[in-house]
Amino acid sequence: WERAREEAEKAERLKEIATRRVSSTCME
């Protein structure tokens, strides 16, 4: 359960990073 929670948190962080990159790319 702890590993799954860590992976979910990691996936959420990667999603936020990807969203920021797409937003910055769209601005360019």
mmCIF file of all heavy atoms, coordinates in Angstrom:
data_MODEL
# 
_entry.id   MODEL 
# 
loop_
_atom_site.group_PDB 
_atom_site.id 
_atom_site.type_symbol 
_atom_site.label_atom_id 
_atom_site.label_alt_id 
_atom_site.label_comp_id 
_atom_site.label_asym_id 
_atom_site.label_entity_id 
_atom_site.label_seq_id 
_atom_site.pdbx_PDB_ins_code 
_atom_site.Cartn_x 
_atom_site.Cartn_y 
_atom_site.Cartn_z 
_atom_site.occupancy 
_atom_site.B_iso_or_equiv 
_atom_site.pdbx_formal_charge 
_atom_site.auth_seq_id 
_atom_site.auth_comp_id 
_atom_site.auth_asym_id 
_atom_site.auth_atom_id 
_atom_site.pdbx_PDB_model_num 
ATOM 1   N N   . TRP A 1 1  ? 0.836  -1.202 0.000   1.00 0.00 ? 1  TRP A N   1 
ATOM 2   C CA  . TRP A 1 1  ? 0.000  0.000  0.000   1.00 0.00 ? 1  TRP A CA  1 
ATOM 3   C C   . TRP A 1 1  ? 0.873  1.257  0.000   1.00 0.00 ? 1  TRP A C   1 
ATOM 4   O O   . TRP A 1 1  ? 0.594  2.220  -0.724  1.00 0.00 ? 1  TRP A O   1 
ATOM 5   C CB  . TRP A 1 1  ? -0.915 -0.016 1.231   1.00 0.00 ? 1  TRP A CB  1 
ATOM 6   C CG  . TRP A 1 1  ? -1.814 1.169  1.297   1.00 0.00 ? 1  TRP A CG  1 
ATOM 7   C CD1 . TRP A 1 1  ? -2.990 1.355  0.640   1.00 0.00 ? 1  TRP A CD1 1 
ATOM 8   C CD2 . TRP A 1 1  ? -1.588 2.354  2.065   1.00 0.00 ? 1  TRP A CD2 1 
ATOM 9   N NE1 . TRP A 1 1  ? -3.512 2.580  0.946   1.00 0.00 ? 1  TRP A NE1 1 
ATOM 10  C CE2 . TRP A 1 1  ? -2.666 3.220  1.830   1.00 0.00 ? 1  TRP A CE2 1 
ATOM 11  C CE3 . TRP A 1 1  ? -0.581 2.765  2.921   1.00 0.00 ? 1  TRP A CE3 1 
ATOM 12  C CZ2 . TRP A 1 1  ? -2.781 4.464  2.419   1.00 0.00 ? 1  TRP A CZ2 1 
ATOM 13  C CZ3 . TRP A 1 1  ? -0.685 4.015  3.516   1.00 0.00 ? 1  TRP A CZ3 1 
ATOM 14  C CH2 . TRP A 1 1  ? -1.772 4.849  3.260   1.00 0.00 ? 1  TRP A CH2 1 
ATOM 15  N N   . GLU A 1 2  ? 1.933  1.265  0.815   1.00 0.00 ? 2  GLU A N   1 
ATOM 16  C CA  . GLU A 1 2  ? 2.830  2.428  0.859   1.00 0.00 ? 2  GLU A CA  1 
ATOM 17  C C   . GLU A 1 2  ? 3.519  2.645  -0.490  1.00 0.00 ? 2  GLU A C   1 
ATOM 18  O O   . GLU A 1 2  ? 3.652  3.783  -0.941  1.00 0.00 ? 2  GLU A O   1 
ATOM 19  C CB  . GLU A 1 2  ? 3.864  2.257  1.976   1.00 0.00 ? 2  GLU A CB  1 
ATOM 20  C CG  . GLU A 1 2  ? 3.274  2.407  3.355   1.00 0.00 ? 2  GLU A CG  1 
ATOM 21  C CD  . GLU A 1 2  ? 4.267  2.100  4.471   1.00 0.00 ? 2  GLU A CD  1 
ATOM 22  O OE1 . GLU A 1 2  ? 5.440  1.753  4.176   1.00 0.00 ? 2  GLU A OE1 1 
ATOM 23  O OE2 . GLU A 1 2  ? 3.865  2.200  5.641   1.00 0.00 ? 2  GLU A OE2 1 
ATOM 24  N N   . ARG A 1 3  ? 3.940  1.556  -1.119  1.00 0.00 ? 3  ARG A N   1 
ATOM 25  C CA  . ARG A 1 3  ? 4.561  1.684  -2.455  1.00 0.00 ? 3  ARG A CA  1 
ATOM 26  C C   . ARG A 1 3  ? 3.566  2.241  -3.470  1.00 0.00 ? 3  ARG A C   1 
ATOM 27  O O   . ARG A 1 3  ? 3.915  3.107  -4.287  1.00 0.00 ? 3  ARG A O   1 
ATOM 28  C CB  . ARG A 1 3  ? 5.087  0.332  -2.933  1.00 0.00 ? 3  ARG A CB  1 
ATOM 29  C CG  . ARG A 1 3  ? 6.349  -0.102 -2.248  1.00 0.00 ? 3  ARG A CG  1 
ATOM 30  C CD  . ARG A 1 3  ? 6.820  -1.427 -2.782  1.00 0.00 ? 3  ARG A CD  1 
ATOM 31  N NE  . ARG A 1 3  ? 7.961  -1.932 -2.026  1.00 0.00 ? 3  ARG A NE  1 
ATOM 32  C CZ  . ARG A 1 3  ? 8.362  -3.186 -2.050  1.00 0.00 ? 3  ARG A CZ  1 
ATOM 33  N NH1 . ARG A 1 3  ? 7.738  -4.072 -2.813  1.00 0.00 ? 3  ARG A NH1 1 
ATOM 34  N NH2 . ARG A 1 3  ? 9.398  -3.575 -1.335  1.00 0.00 ? 3  ARG A NH2 1 
ATOM 35  N N   . ALA A 1 4  ? 2.355  1.737  -3.420  1.00 0.00 ? 4  ALA A N   1 
ATOM 36  C CA  . ALA A 1 4  ? 1.327  2.214  -4.352  1.00 0.00 ? 4  ALA A CA  1 
ATOM 37  C C   . ALA A 1 4  ? 1.035  3.695  -4.113  1.00 0.00 ? 4  ALA A C   1 
ATOM 38  O O   . ALA A 1 4  ? 0.875  4.468  -5.070  1.00 0.00 ? 4  ALA A O   1 
ATOM 39  C CB  . ALA A 1 4  ? 0.053  1.390  -4.201  1.00 0.00 ? 4  ALA A CB  1 
ATOM 40  N N   . ARG A 1 5  ? 0.991  4.112  -2.856  1.00 0.00 ? 5  ARG A N   1 
ATOM 41  C CA  . ARG A 1 5  ? 0.752  5.519  -2.535  1.00 0.00 ? 5  ARG A CA  1 
ATOM 42  C C   . ARG A 1 5  ? 1.900  6.384  -3.061  1.00 0.00 ? 5  ARG A C   1 
ATOM 43  O O   . ARG A 1 5  ? 1.679  7.448  -3.647  1.00 0.00 ? 5  ARG A O   1 
ATOM 44  C CB  . ARG A 1 5  ? 0.602  5.701  -1.018  1.00 0.00 ? 5  ARG A CB  1 
ATOM 45  C CG  . ARG A 1 5  ? 0.118  7.099  -0.643  1.00 0.00 ? 5  ARG A CG  1 
ATOM 46  C CD  . ARG A 1 5  ? 0.260  7.360  0.810   1.00 0.00 ? 5  ARG A CD  1 
ATOM 47  N NE  . ARG A 1 5  ? 1.711  7.401  1.071   1.00 0.00 ? 5  ARG A NE  1 
ATOM 48  C CZ  . ARG A 1 5  ? 2.273  7.154  2.228   1.00 0.00 ? 5  ARG A CZ  1 
ATOM 49  N NH1 . ARG A 1 5  ? 1.543  6.819  3.247   1.00 0.00 ? 5  ARG A NH1 1 
ATOM 50  N NH2 . ARG A 1 5  ? 3.569  7.223  2.386   1.00 0.00 ? 5  ARG A NH2 1 
ATOM 51  N N   . GLU A 1 6  ? 3.149  5.912  -2.871  1.00 0.00 ? 6  GLU A N   1 
ATOM 52  C CA  . GLU A 1 6  ? 4.314  6.649  -3.375  1.00 0.00 ? 6  GLU A CA  1 
ATOM 53  C C   . GLU A 1 6  ? 4.264  6.765  -4.890  1.00 0.00 ? 6  GLU A C   1 
ATOM 54  O O   . GLU A 1 6  ? 4.561  7.825  -5.448  1.00 0.00 ? 6  GLU A O   1 
ATOM 55  C CB  . GLU A 1 6  ? 5.603  5.966  -2.929  1.00 0.00 ? 6  GLU A CB  1 
ATOM 56  C CG  . GLU A 1 6  ? 5.892  6.090  -1.451  1.00 0.00 ? 6  GLU A CG  1 
ATOM 57  C CD  . GLU A 1 6  ? 7.055  5.222  -0.994  1.00 0.00 ? 6  GLU A CD  1 
ATOM 58  O OE1 . GLU A 1 6  ? 7.642  4.502  -1.840  1.00 0.00 ? 6  GLU A OE1 1 
ATOM 59  O OE2 . GLU A 1 6  ? 7.358  5.248  0.207   1.00 0.00 ? 6  GLU A OE2 1 
ATOM 60  N N   . GLU A 1 7  ? 3.879  5.674  -5.572  1.00 0.00 ? 7  GLU A N   1 
ATOM 61  C CA  . GLU A 1 7  ? 3.788  5.704  -7.037  1.00 0.00 ? 7  GLU A CA  1 
ATOM 62  C C   . GLU A 1 7  ? 2.689  6.656  -7.489  1.00 0.00 ? 7  GLU A C   1 
ATOM 63  O O   . GLU A 1 7  ? 2.845  7.363  -8.494  1.00 0.00 ? 7  GLU A O   1 
ATOM 64  C CB  . GLU A 1 7  ? 3.545  4.299  -7.584  1.00 0.00 ? 7  GLU A CB  1 
ATOM 65  C CG  . GLU A 1 7  ? 4.770  3.413  -7.518  1.00 0.00 ? 7  GLU A CG  1 
ATOM 66  C CD  . GLU A 1 7  ? 4.532  2.032  -8.102  1.00 0.00 ? 7  GLU A CD  1 
ATOM 67  O OE1 . GLU A 1 7  ? 3.586  1.874  -8.894  1.00 0.00 ? 7  GLU A OE1 1 
ATOM 68  O OE2 . GLU A 1 7  ? 5.304  1.117  -7.764  1.00 0.00 ? 7  GLU A OE2 1 
ATOM 69  N N   . ALA A 1 8  ? 1.577  6.680  -6.760  1.00 0.00 ? 8  ALA A N   1 
ATOM 70  C CA  . ALA A 1 8  ? 0.488  7.598  -7.113  1.00 0.00 ? 8  ALA A CA  1 
ATOM 71  C C   . ALA A 1 8  ? 0.944  9.045  -6.935  1.00 0.00 ? 8  ALA A C   1 
ATOM 72  O O   . ALA A 1 8  ? 0.645  9.911  -7.777  1.00 0.00 ? 8  ALA A O   1 
ATOM 73  C CB  . ALA A 1 8  ? -0.746 7.314  -6.266  1.00 0.00 ? 8  ALA A CB  1 
ATOM 74  N N   . GLU A 1 9  ? 1.674  9.323  -5.851  1.00 0.00 ? 9  GLU A N   1 
ATOM 75  C CA  . GLU A 1 9  ? 2.197  10.673 -5.631  1.00 0.00 ? 9  GLU A CA  1 
ATOM 76  C C   . GLU A 1 9  ? 3.184  11.051 -6.732  1.00 0.00 ? 9  GLU A C   1 
ATOM 77  O O   . GLU A 1 9  ? 3.176  12.195 -7.233  1.00 0.00 ? 9  GLU A O   1 
ATOM 78  C CB  . GLU A 1 9  ? 2.861  10.767 -4.255  1.00 0.00 ? 9  GLU A CB  1 
ATOM 79  C CG  . GLU A 1 9  ? 1.880  10.718 -3.107  1.00 0.00 ? 9  GLU A CG  1 
ATOM 80  C CD  . GLU A 1 9  ? 2.562  10.626 -1.751  1.00 0.00 ? 9  GLU A CD  1 
ATOM 81  O OE1 . GLU A 1 9  ? 3.810  10.520 -1.696  1.00 0.00 ? 9  GLU A OE1 1 
ATOM 82  O OE2 . GLU A 1 9  ? 1.835  10.659 -0.739  1.00 0.00 ? 9  GLU A OE2 1 
ATOM 83  N N   . LYS A 1 10 ? 4.035  10.094 -7.121  1.00 0.00 ? 10 LYS A N   1 
ATOM 84  C CA  . LYS A 1 10 ? 5.011  10.344 -8.185  1.00 0.00 ? 10 LYS A CA  1 
ATOM 85  C C   . LYS A 1 10 ? 4.288  10.627 -9.501  1.00 0.00 ? 10 LYS A C   1 
ATOM 86  O O   . LYS A 1 10 ? 4.654  11.560 -10.237 1.00 0.00 ? 10 LYS A O   1 
ATOM 87  C CB  . LYS A 1 10 ? 5.929  9.134  -8.334  1.00 0.00 ? 10 LYS A CB  1 
ATOM 88  C CG  . LYS A 1 10 ? 7.012  9.309  -9.369  1.00 0.00 ? 10 LYS A CG  1 
ATOM 89  C CD  . LYS A 1 10 ? 7.897  8.085  -9.432  1.00 0.00 ? 10 LYS A CD  1 
ATOM 90  C CE  . LYS A 1 10 ? 8.950  8.201  -10.515 1.00 0.00 ? 10 LYS A CE  1 
ATOM 91  N NZ  . LYS A 1 10 ? 9.785  6.992  -10.602 1.00 0.00 ? 10 LYS A NZ  1 
ATOM 92  N N   . ALA A 1 11 ? 3.242  9.842  -9.787  1.00 0.00 ? 11 ALA A N   1 
ATOM 93  C CA  . ALA A 1 11 ? 2.471  10.056 -11.020 1.00 0.00 ? 11 ALA A CA  1 
ATOM 94  C C   . ALA A 1 11 ? 1.806  11.426 -11.000 1.00 0.00 ? 11 ALA A C   1 
ATOM 95  O O   . ALA A 1 11 ? 1.758  12.123 -12.034 1.00 0.00 ? 11 ALA A O   1 
ATOM 96  C CB  . ALA A 1 11 ? 1.420  8.965  -11.184 1.00 0.00 ? 11 ALA A CB  1 
ATOM 97  N N   . GLU A 1 12 ? 1.314  11.845 -9.839  1.00 0.00 ? 12 GLU A N   1 
ATOM 98  C CA  . GLU A 1 12 ? 0.688  13.166 -9.724  1.00 0.00 ? 12 GLU A CA  1 
ATOM 99  C C   . GLU A 1 12 ? 1.717  14.280 -9.969  1.00 0.00 ? 12 GLU A C   1 
ATOM 100 O O   . GLU A 1 12 ? 1.428  15.264 -10.669 1.00 0.00 ? 12 GLU A O   1 
ATOM 101 C CB  . GLU A 1 12 ? 0.054  13.318 -8.339  1.00 0.00 ? 12 GLU A CB  1 
ATOM 102 C CG  . GLU A 1 12 ? -0.764 14.565 -8.163  1.00 0.00 ? 12 GLU A CG  1 
ATOM 103 C CD  . GLU A 1 12 ? -1.997 14.614 -9.046  1.00 0.00 ? 12 GLU A CD  1 
ATOM 104 O OE1 . GLU A 1 12 ? -2.564 13.545 -9.352  1.00 0.00 ? 12 GLU A OE1 1 
ATOM 105 O OE2 . GLU A 1 12 ? -2.366 15.730 -9.454  1.00 0.00 ? 12 GLU A OE2 1 
ATOM 106 N N   . ARG A 1 13 ? 2.917  14.122 -9.425  1.00 0.00 ? 13 ARG A N   1 
ATOM 107 C CA  . ARG A 1 13 ? 3.982  15.111 -9.658  1.00 0.00 ? 13 ARG A CA  1 
ATOM 108 C C   . ARG A 1 13 ? 4.357  15.169 -11.136 1.00 0.00 ? 13 ARG A C   1 
ATOM 109 O O   . ARG A 1 13 ? 4.529  16.260 -11.707 1.00 0.00 ? 13 ARG A O   1 
ATOM 110 C CB  . ARG A 1 13 ? 5.214  14.773 -8.811  1.00 0.00 ? 13 ARG A CB  1 
ATOM 111 C CG  . ARG A 1 13 ? 5.061  15.120 -7.345  1.00 0.00 ? 13 ARG A CG  1 
ATOM 112 C CD  . ARG A 1 13 ? 6.385  15.035 -6.591  1.00 0.00 ? 13 ARG A CD  1 
ATOM 113 N NE  . ARG A 1 13 ? 7.080  13.764 -6.744  1.00 0.00 ? 13 ARG A NE  1 
ATOM 114 C CZ  . ARG A 1 13 ? 6.928  12.700 -5.961  1.00 0.00 ? 13 ARG A CZ  1 
ATOM 115 N NH1 . ARG A 1 13 ? 6.077  12.742 -4.965  1.00 0.00 ? 13 ARG A NH1 1 
ATOM 116 N NH2 . ARG A 1 13 ? 7.618  11.594 -6.174  1.00 0.00 ? 13 ARG A NH2 1 
ATOM 117 N N   . LEU A 1 14 ? 4.501  13.979 -11.775 1.00 0.00 ? 14 LEU A N   1 
ATOM 118 C CA  . LEU A 1 14 ? 4.827  13.946 -13.215 1.00 0.00 ? 14 LEU A CA  1 
ATOM 119 C C   . LEU A 1 14 ? 3.726  14.598 -14.040 1.00 0.00 ? 14 LEU A C   1 
ATOM 120 O O   . LEU A 1 14 ? 4.000  15.298 -15.024 1.00 0.00 ? 14 LEU A O   1 
ATOM 121 C CB  . LEU A 1 14 ? 5.055  12.504 -13.672 1.00 0.00 ? 14 LEU A CB  1 
ATOM 122 C CG  . LEU A 1 14 ? 6.326  11.831 -13.148 1.00 0.00 ? 14 LEU A CG  1 
ATOM 123 C CD1 . LEU A 1 14 ? 6.351  10.362 -13.570 1.00 0.00 ? 14 LEU A CD1 1 
ATOM 124 C CD2 . LEU A 1 14 ? 7.565  12.556 -13.663 1.00 0.00 ? 14 LEU A CD2 1 
ATOM 125 N N   . LYS A 1 15 ? 2.487  14.402 -13.647 1.00 0.00 ? 15 LYS A N   1 
ATOM 126 C CA  . LYS A 1 15 ? 1.363  15.018 -14.359 1.00 0.00 ? 15 LYS A CA  1 
ATOM 127 C C   . LYS A 1 15 ? 1.443  16.545 -14.256 1.00 0.00 ? 15 LYS A C   1 
ATOM 128 O O   . LYS A 1 15 ? 1.239  17.249 -15.244 1.00 0.00 ? 15 LYS A O   1 
ATOM 129 C CB  . LYS A 1 15 ? 0.045  14.524 -13.764 1.00 0.00 ? 15 LYS A CB  1 
ATOM 130 C CG  . LYS A 1 15 ? -1.176 15.139 -14.364 1.00 0.00 ? 15 LYS A CG  1 
ATOM 131 C CD  . LYS A 1 15 ? -2.428 14.643 -13.650 1.00 0.00 ? 15 LYS A CD  1 
ATOM 132 C CE  . LYS A 1 15 ? -3.614 15.509 -13.979 1.00 0.00 ? 15 LYS A CE  1 
ATOM 133 N NZ  . LYS A 1 15 ? -4.769 15.187 -13.160 1.00 0.00 ? 15 LYS A NZ  1 
ATOM 134 N N   . GLU A 1 16 ? 1.748  17.033 -13.047 1.00 0.00 ? 16 GLU A N   1 
ATOM 135 C CA  . GLU A 1 16 ? 1.863  18.482 -12.864 1.00 0.00 ? 16 GLU A CA  1 
ATOM 136 C C   . GLU A 1 16 ? 3.012  19.044 -13.707 1.00 0.00 ? 16 GLU A C   1 
ATOM 137 O O   . GLU A 1 16 ? 2.871  20.102 -14.342 1.00 0.00 ? 16 GLU A O   1 
ATOM 138 C CB  . GLU A 1 16 ? 2.085  18.811 -11.391 1.00 0.00 ? 16 GLU A CB  1 
ATOM 139 C CG  . GLU A 1 16 ? 0.867  18.582 -10.524 1.00 0.00 ? 16 GLU A CG  1 
ATOM 140 C CD  . GLU A 1 16 ? 1.158  18.750 -9.034  1.00 0.00 ? 16 GLU A CD  1 
ATOM 141 O OE1 . GLU A 1 16 ? 2.265  19.214 -8.664  1.00 0.00 ? 16 GLU A OE1 1 
ATOM 142 O OE2 . GLU A 1 16 ? 0.275  18.399 -8.231  1.00 0.00 ? 16 GLU A OE2 1 
ATOM 143 N N   . ILE A 1 17 ? 4.151  18.342 -13.725 1.00 0.00 ? 17 ILE A N   1 
ATOM 144 C CA  . ILE A 1 17 ? 5.297  18.781 -14.529 1.00 0.00 ? 17 ILE A CA  1 
ATOM 145 C C   . ILE A 1 17 ? 4.929  18.798 -16.008 1.00 0.00 ? 17 ILE A C   1 
ATOM 146 O O   . ILE A 1 17 ? 5.221  19.759 -16.736 1.00 0.00 ? 17 ILE A O   1 
ATOM 147 C CB  . ILE A 1 17 ? 6.521  17.882 -14.264 1.00 0.00 ? 17 ILE A CB  1 
ATOM 148 C CG1 . ILE A 1 17 ? 7.037  18.097 -12.834 1.00 0.00 ? 17 ILE A CG1 1 
ATOM 149 C CG2 . ILE A 1 17 ? 7.618  18.134 -15.278 1.00 0.00 ? 17 ILE A CG2 1 
ATOM 150 C CD1 . ILE A 1 17 ? 8.095  17.079 -12.413 1.00 0.00 ? 17 ILE A CD1 1 
ATOM 151 N N   . ALA A 1 18 ? 4.264  17.749 -16.459 1.00 0.00 ? 18 ALA A N   1 
ATOM 152 C CA  . ALA A 1 18 ? 3.869  17.667 -17.874 1.00 0.00 ? 18 ALA A CA  1 
ATOM 153 C C   . ALA A 1 18 ? 2.880  18.770 -18.222 1.00 0.00 ? 18 ALA A C   1 
ATOM 154 O O   . ALA A 1 18 ? 2.970  19.367 -19.308 1.00 0.00 ? 18 ALA A O   1 
ATOM 155 C CB  . ALA A 1 18 ? 3.266  16.301 -18.162 1.00 0.00 ? 18 ALA A CB  1 
ATOM 156 N N   . THR A 1 19 ? 1.969  19.061 -17.306 1.00 0.00 ? 19 THR A N   1 
ATOM 157 C CA  . THR A 1 19 ? 0.985  20.112 -17.571 1.00 0.00 ? 19 THR A CA  1 
ATOM 158 C C   . THR A 1 19 ? 1.680  21.463 -17.686 1.00 0.00 ? 19 THR A C   1 
ATOM 159 O O   . THR A 1 19 ? 1.364  22.264 -18.578 1.00 0.00 ? 19 THR A O   1 
ATOM 160 C CB  . THR A 1 19 ? -0.063 20.158 -16.431 1.00 0.00 ? 19 THR A CB  1 
ATOM 161 O OG1 . THR A 1 19 ? -0.682 18.892 -16.330 1.00 0.00 ? 19 THR A OG1 1 
ATOM 162 C CG2 . THR A 1 19 ? -1.117 21.212 -16.688 1.00 0.00 ? 19 THR A CG2 1 
ATOM 163 N N   . ARG A 1 20 ? 2.645  21.716 -16.811 1.00 0.00 ? 20 ARG A N   1 
ATOM 164 C CA  . ARG A 1 20 ? 3.391  22.988 -16.899 1.00 0.00 ? 20 ARG A CA  1 
ATOM 165 C C   . ARG A 1 20 ? 4.181  23.077 -18.202 1.00 0.00 ? 20 ARG A C   1 
ATOM 166 O O   . ARG A 1 20 ? 4.233  24.134 -18.834 1.00 0.00 ? 20 ARG A O   1 
ATOM 167 C CB  . ARG A 1 20 ? 4.331  23.113 -15.702 1.00 0.00 ? 20 ARG A CB  1 
ATOM 168 C CG  . ARG A 1 20 ? 3.610  23.643 -14.473 1.00 0.00 ? 20 ARG A CG  1 
ATOM 169 C CD  . ARG A 1 20 ? 4.596  23.972 -13.367 1.00 0.00 ? 20 ARG A CD  1 
ATOM 170 N NE  . ARG A 1 20 ? 4.355  22.964 -12.326 1.00 0.00 ? 20 ARG A NE  1 
ATOM 171 C CZ  . ARG A 1 20 ? 5.284  22.282 -11.691 1.00 0.00 ? 20 ARG A CZ  1 
ATOM 172 N NH1 . ARG A 1 20 ? 6.550  22.462 -11.967 1.00 0.00 ? 20 ARG A NH1 1 
ATOM 173 N NH2 . ARG A 1 20 ? 4.957  21.418 -10.781 1.00 0.00 ? 20 ARG A NH2 1 
ATOM 174 N N   . ARG A 1 21 ? 4.774  21.965 -18.621 1.00 0.00 ? 21 ARG A N   1 
ATOM 175 C CA  . ARG A 1 21 ? 5.551  21.971 -19.876 1.00 0.00 ? 21 ARG A CA  1 
ATOM 176 C C   . ARG A 1 21 ? 4.646  22.237 -21.074 1.00 0.00 ? 21 ARG A C   1 
ATOM 177 O O   . ARG A 1 21 ? 4.997  23.008 -21.976 1.00 0.00 ? 21 ARG A O   1 
ATOM 178 C CB  . ARG A 1 21 ? 6.287  20.655 -20.061 1.00 0.00 ? 21 ARG A CB  1 
ATOM 179 C CG  . ARG A 1 21 ? 7.506  20.538 -19.213 1.00 0.00 ? 21 ARG A CG  1 
ATOM 180 C CD  . ARG A 1 21 ? 8.277  19.295 -19.552 1.00 0.00 ? 21 ARG A CD  1 
ATOM 181 N NE  . ARG A 1 21 ? 9.418  19.137 -18.650 1.00 0.00 ? 21 ARG A NE  1 
ATOM 182 C CZ  . ARG A 1 21 ? 10.064 18.022 -18.471 1.00 0.00 ? 21 ARG A CZ  1 
ATOM 183 N NH1 . ARG A 1 21 ? 9.711  16.939 -19.142 1.00 0.00 ? 21 ARG A NH1 1 
ATOM 184 N NH2 . ARG A 1 21 ? 11.078 17.960 -17.640 1.00 0.00 ? 21 ARG A NH2 1 
ATOM 185 N N   . VAL A 1 22 ? 3.499  21.581 -21.083 1.00 0.00 ? 22 VAL A N   1 
ATOM 186 C CA  . VAL A 1 22 ? 2.570  21.785 -22.207 1.00 0.00 ? 22 VAL A CA  1 
ATOM 187 C C   . VAL A 1 22 ? 2.107  23.237 -22.207 1.00 0.00 ? 22 VAL A C   1 
ATOM 188 O O   . VAL A 1 22 ? 2.034  23.879 -23.257 1.00 0.00 ? 22 VAL A O   1 
ATOM 189 C CB  . VAL A 1 22 ? 1.379  20.810 -22.111 1.00 0.00 ? 22 VAL A CB  1 
ATOM 190 C CG1 . VAL A 1 22 ? 0.267  21.207 -23.070 1.00 0.00 ? 22 VAL A CG1 1 
ATOM 191 C CG2 . VAL A 1 22 ? 1.835  19.401 -22.404 1.00 0.00 ? 22 VAL A CG2 1 
ATOM 192 N N   . SER A 1 23 ? 1.817  23.770 -21.030 1.00 0.00 ? 23 SER A N   1 
ATOM 193 C CA  . SER A 1 23 ? 1.370  25.164 -20.958 1.00 0.00 ? 23 SER A CA  1 
ATOM 194 C C   . SER A 1 23 ? 2.456  26.105 -21.459 1.00 0.00 ? 23 SER A C   1 
ATOM 195 O O   . SER A 1 23 ? 2.187  27.054 -22.211 1.00 0.00 ? 23 SER A O   1 
ATOM 196 C CB  . SER A 1 23 ? 0.993  25.533 -19.523 1.00 0.00 ? 23 SER A CB  1 
ATOM 197 O OG  . SER A 1 23 ? -0.125 24.812 -19.119 1.00 0.00 ? 23 SER A OG  1 
ATOM 198 N N   . SER A 1 24 ? 3.698  25.850 -21.033 1.00 0.00 ? 24 SER A N   1 
ATOM 199 C CA  . SER A 1 24 ? 4.780  26.737 -21.478 1.00 0.00 ? 24 SER A CA  1 
ATOM 200 C C   . SER A 1 24 ? 5.035  26.562 -22.968 1.00 0.00 ? 24 SER A C   1 
ATOM 201 O O   . SER A 1 24 ? 5.353  27.520 -23.678 1.00 0.00 ? 24 SER A O   1 
ATOM 202 C CB  . SER A 1 24 ? 6.049  26.494 -20.670 1.00 0.00 ? 24 SER A CB  1 
ATOM 203 O OG  . SER A 1 24 ? 6.541  25.197 -20.916 1.00 0.00 ? 24 SER A OG  1 
ATOM 204 N N   . THR A 1 25 ? 4.873  25.343 -23.492 1.00 0.00 ? 25 THR A N   1 
ATOM 205 C CA  . THR A 1 25 ? 5.051  25.104 -24.925 1.00 0.00 ? 25 THR A CA  1 
ATOM 206 C C   . THR A 1 25 ? 3.966  25.817 -25.704 1.00 0.00 ? 25 THR A C   1 
ATOM 207 O O   . THR A 1 25 ? 4.224  26.407 -26.765 1.00 0.00 ? 25 THR A O   1 
ATOM 208 C CB  . THR A 1 25 ? 5.030  23.591 -25.235 1.00 0.00 ? 25 THR A CB  1 
ATOM 209 O OG1 . THR A 1 25 ? 6.033  22.954 -24.468 1.00 0.00 ? 25 THR A OG1 1 
ATOM 210 C CG2 . THR A 1 25 ? 5.257  23.323 -26.706 1.00 0.00 ? 25 THR A CG2 1 
ATOM 211 N N   . CYS A 1 26 ? 2.751  25.774 -25.188 1.00 0.00 ? 26 CYS A N   1 
ATOM 212 C CA  . CYS A 1 26 ? 1.640  26.453 -25.871 1.00 0.00 ? 26 CYS A CA  1 
ATOM 213 C C   . CYS A 1 26 ? 1.883  27.957 -25.902 1.00 0.00 ? 26 CYS A C   1 
ATOM 214 O O   . CYS A 1 26 ? 1.493  28.641 -26.849 1.00 0.00 ? 26 CYS A O   1 
ATOM 215 C CB  . CYS A 1 26 ? 0.316  26.168 -25.167 1.00 0.00 ? 26 CYS A CB  1 
ATOM 216 S SG  . CYS A 1 26 ? -0.284 24.499 -25.476 1.00 0.00 ? 26 CYS A SG  1 
ATOM 217 N N   . MET A 1 27 ? 2.506  28.485 -24.883 1.00 0.00 ? 27 MET A N   1 
ATOM 218 C CA  . MET A 1 27 ? 2.795  29.918 -24.855 1.00 0.00 ? 27 MET A CA  1 
ATOM 219 C C   . MET A 1 27 ? 3.842  30.283 -25.910 1.00 0.00 ? 27 MET A C   1 
ATOM 220 O O   . MET A 1 27 ? 3.861  31.403 -26.399 1.00 0.00 ? 27 MET A O   1 
ATOM 221 C CB  . MET A 1 27 ? 3.308  30.335 -23.476 1.00 0.00 ? 27 MET A CB  1 
ATOM 222 C CG  . MET A 1 27 ? 2.261  30.256 -22.413 1.00 0.00 ? 27 MET A CG  1 
ATOM 223 S SD  . MET A 1 27 ? 0.963  31.387 -22.878 1.00 0.00 ? 27 MET A SD  1 
ATOM 224 C CE  . MET A 1 27 ? 0.038  31.422 -21.409 1.00 0.00 ? 27 MET A CE  1 
ATOM 225 N N   . GLU A 1 28 ? 4.714  29.339 -26.237 1.00 0.00 ? 28 GLU A N   1 
ATOM 226 C CA  . GLU A 1 28 ? 5.766  29.624 -27.208 1.00 0.00 ? 28 GLU A CA  1 
ATOM 227 C C   . GLU A 1 28 ? 5.289  29.505 -28.657 1.00 0.00 ? 28 GLU A C   1 
ATOM 228 O O   . GLU A 1 28 ? 5.954  29.960 -29.570 1.00 0.00 ? 28 GLU A O   1 
ATOM 229 C CB  . GLU A 1 28 ? 6.943  28.670 -26.969 1.00 0.00 ? 28 GLU A CB  1 
ATOM 230 C CG  . GLU A 1 28 ? 7.650  28.914 -25.662 1.00 0.00 ? 28 GLU A CG  1 
ATOM 231 C CD  . GLU A 1 28 ? 8.763  27.912 -25.425 1.00 0.00 ? 28 GLU A CD  1 
ATOM 232 O OE1 . GLU A 1 28 ? 9.081  27.118 -26.335 1.00 0.00 ? 28 GLU A OE1 1 
ATOM 233 O OE2 . GLU A 1 28 ? 9.305  27.915 -24.307 1.00 0.00 ? 28 GLU A OE2 1 
# 
